[in-house]
Structure formats: structure tokens, C-alpha cells
């Protein structure tokens, strides 16, 4: 079995319920929120709303956005950009699915490490 140093295996797709999320702590870095949409696509963002650092992982997932639980800002799961009148952006972590497992890009995951 070959290990790809560019990607981190974080587990099976089935661990994420549709319209659900999980968090992934990153030692020395920002916590990551992993989301699954109703259509089954998987997305990852830093787990902090650009508004007041609300935990996006605790928000409601709609189509390809998540609503922050603190002040109802909607954040795109595709771009990390705040939607509507709100302005701000949260880092997006590249995701790939291979053989039913979720992989996130190592460099982007560790970008917040000091």
C-alpha cells in the first residue's frame, strides 16, 4: 500500500450523515469542519465563521452552504465566501474521495500551523 504524502485519510464517507458535519482537530492549527451535502458531496472549511469565529460545524447545511449558528451568516462550502450582503471568507480545504474514503489536502490543513 502506498501512502500519498499530499493527502490525509480522515475516514470513510459513511461517517458523515447527509446534511451533517464533523470536526477534525489540527495540532497547532485551526480546527477543520467536514461537511456532507444532501447530494453526498464532501467539503472542508476552517471551523470559524469570518464574522465572529462561530463554529461552522454546528451550523445548518443547505445545498452547498452552511449557516453559522451564531448570527446566521451563510458561508459557501465551495468558495468559503460569505453569501448575500455579508463580506468575509474562510479557508477552504481541498477534499477528494477515493474508494469510499475522505482525504483532505495536507498543505492546506497545516496552513494555519504556526
Protein backbone atom coordinates (compact mmCIF):
# COMPACT_ATOMS: atom_id res chain seq x y z
CA UNK A 1 0.00 0.00 0.00
CA UNK A 2 1.38 3.39 -0.99
CA UNK A 3 0.84 6.45 1.18
CA UNK A 4 0.35 9.77 -0.60
CA UNK A 5 2.07 12.48 1.45
CA UNK A 6 -0.07 15.18 -0.18
CA UNK A 7 -3.37 13.85 1.25
CA UNK A 8 -4.54 12.86 4.76
CA UNK A 9 -7.03 9.97 5.06
CA UNK A 10 -9.66 11.05 7.60
CA UNK A 11 -12.01 8.08 7.33
CA UNK A 12 -14.96 6.63 5.46
CA UNK A 13 -17.60 8.79 3.76
CA UNK A 14 -20.26 6.89 5.75
CA UNK A 15 -19.09 8.54 8.98
CA UNK A 16 -20.76 11.74 7.78
CA UNK A 17 -24.56 11.79 7.69
CA UNK A 18 -26.24 13.69 4.84
CA UNK A 19 -26.53 17.38 5.81
CA UNK A 20 -24.14 16.66 8.68
CA UNK A 21 -20.68 17.67 9.77
CA UNK A 22 -17.75 16.53 11.88
CA UNK A 23 -14.76 18.38 13.25
CA UNK A 24 -11.12 17.47 12.91
CA UNK A 25 -8.65 18.97 15.39
CA UNK A 26 -5.31 20.01 13.89
CA UNK A 27 -2.40 20.08 16.31
CA UNK A 28 -1.04 23.62 16.36
CA UNK A 29 -3.53 24.74 13.70
CA UNK A 30 -7.14 25.64 13.07
CA UNK A 31 -9.86 23.06 13.63
CA UNK A 32 -11.34 21.78 10.35
CA UNK A 33 -15.07 21.25 9.74
CA UNK A 34 -16.01 18.49 7.27
CA UNK A 35 -19.50 18.71 5.71
CA UNK A 36 -21.68 16.37 3.65
CA UNK A 37 -24.42 17.84 1.48
CA UNK A 38 -27.81 16.28 0.66
CA UNK A 39 -26.35 15.14 -2.69
CA UNK A 40 -23.44 13.44 -0.91
CA UNK A 41 -20.64 15.83 -1.83
CA UNK A 42 -17.99 16.39 0.85
CA UNK A 43 -16.46 19.78 1.68
CA UNK A 44 -13.99 21.03 4.28
CA UNK A 45 -13.52 24.51 5.75
CA UNK A 46 -11.69 26.04 8.68
CA UNK A 47 -14.23 25.78 11.53
CA UNK A 48 -14.52 29.54 12.12
CA UNK A 49 -17.07 31.92 10.66
CA UNK A 50 -15.33 35.05 9.28
CA UNK A 51 -17.82 37.20 11.23
CA UNK A 52 -17.33 36.32 14.93
CA UNK A 53 -15.46 32.98 14.69
CA UNK A 54 -18.66 30.97 15.21
CA UNK A 55 -18.30 27.16 14.93
CA UNK A 56 -19.48 26.44 11.39
CA UNK A 57 -19.59 22.71 12.19
CA UNK A 58 -22.61 23.42 14.41
CA UNK A 59 -24.49 25.23 11.63
CA UNK A 60 -27.21 24.02 9.27
CA UNK A 61 -26.08 22.69 5.88
CA UNK A 62 -28.19 23.79 2.87
CA UNK A 63 -27.30 22.74 -0.68
CA UNK A 64 -23.69 24.00 -0.93
CA UNK A 65 -23.66 26.41 2.02
CA UNK A 66 -23.64 26.32 5.82
CA UNK A 67 -25.39 28.81 8.11
CA UNK A 68 -23.33 29.95 11.11
CA UNK A 69 -25.16 29.14 14.37
CA UNK A 70 -24.25 32.50 15.97
CA UNK A 71 -25.55 35.20 13.61
CA UNK A 72 -26.98 33.29 10.62
CA UNK A 73 -24.24 34.20 8.15
CA UNK A 74 -24.33 31.83 5.16
CA UNK A 75 -20.93 30.56 4.01
CA UNK A 76 -20.32 28.82 0.68
CA UNK A 77 -18.91 25.30 1.09
CA UNK A 78 -17.37 25.68 -2.40
CA UNK A 79 -15.51 29.00 -2.01
CA UNK A 80 -15.56 29.81 1.72
CA UNK A 81 -17.10 33.20 0.86
CA UNK A 82 -19.89 34.77 2.89
CA UNK A 83 -23.09 34.91 0.82
CA UNK A 84 -25.62 37.71 0.41
CA UNK A 85 -24.82 41.11 1.94
CA UNK A 86 -22.17 39.74 4.30
CA UNK A 87 -18.46 40.04 3.47
CA UNK A 88 -15.72 37.67 4.57
CA UNK A 89 -14.06 34.42 3.70
CA UNK A 90 -12.98 31.26 5.49
CA UNK A 91 -10.20 28.96 4.23
CA UNK A 92 -11.38 26.03 2.07
CA UNK A 93 -9.54 22.72 2.45
CA UNK A 94 -9.35 20.65 -0.77
CA UNK A 95 -11.11 17.27 -0.45
CA UNK A 96 -11.03 14.13 -2.58
CA UNK A 97 -12.91 10.85 -2.25
CA UNK A 98 -11.14 7.61 -3.13
CA UNK A 99 -12.57 4.12 -2.61
CA UNK A 100 -15.21 5.47 -0.22
CA UNK A 101 -12.71 7.32 1.98
CA UNK A 102 -12.35 11.05 2.57
CA UNK A 103 -8.94 12.68 2.01
CA UNK A 104 -8.05 16.30 2.80
CA UNK A 105 -5.04 18.12 1.41
CA UNK A 106 -2.18 18.11 3.90
CA UNK A 107 -0.66 21.50 2.97
CA UNK A 108 -3.99 23.36 3.25
CA UNK A 109 -4.81 21.57 6.52
CA UNK A 110 -1.50 22.60 8.04
CA UNK A 111 -1.53 26.15 6.64
CA UNK A 112 -2.78 27.51 9.97
CA UNK A 113 0.04 25.88 11.93
CA UNK A 114 2.41 28.46 13.41
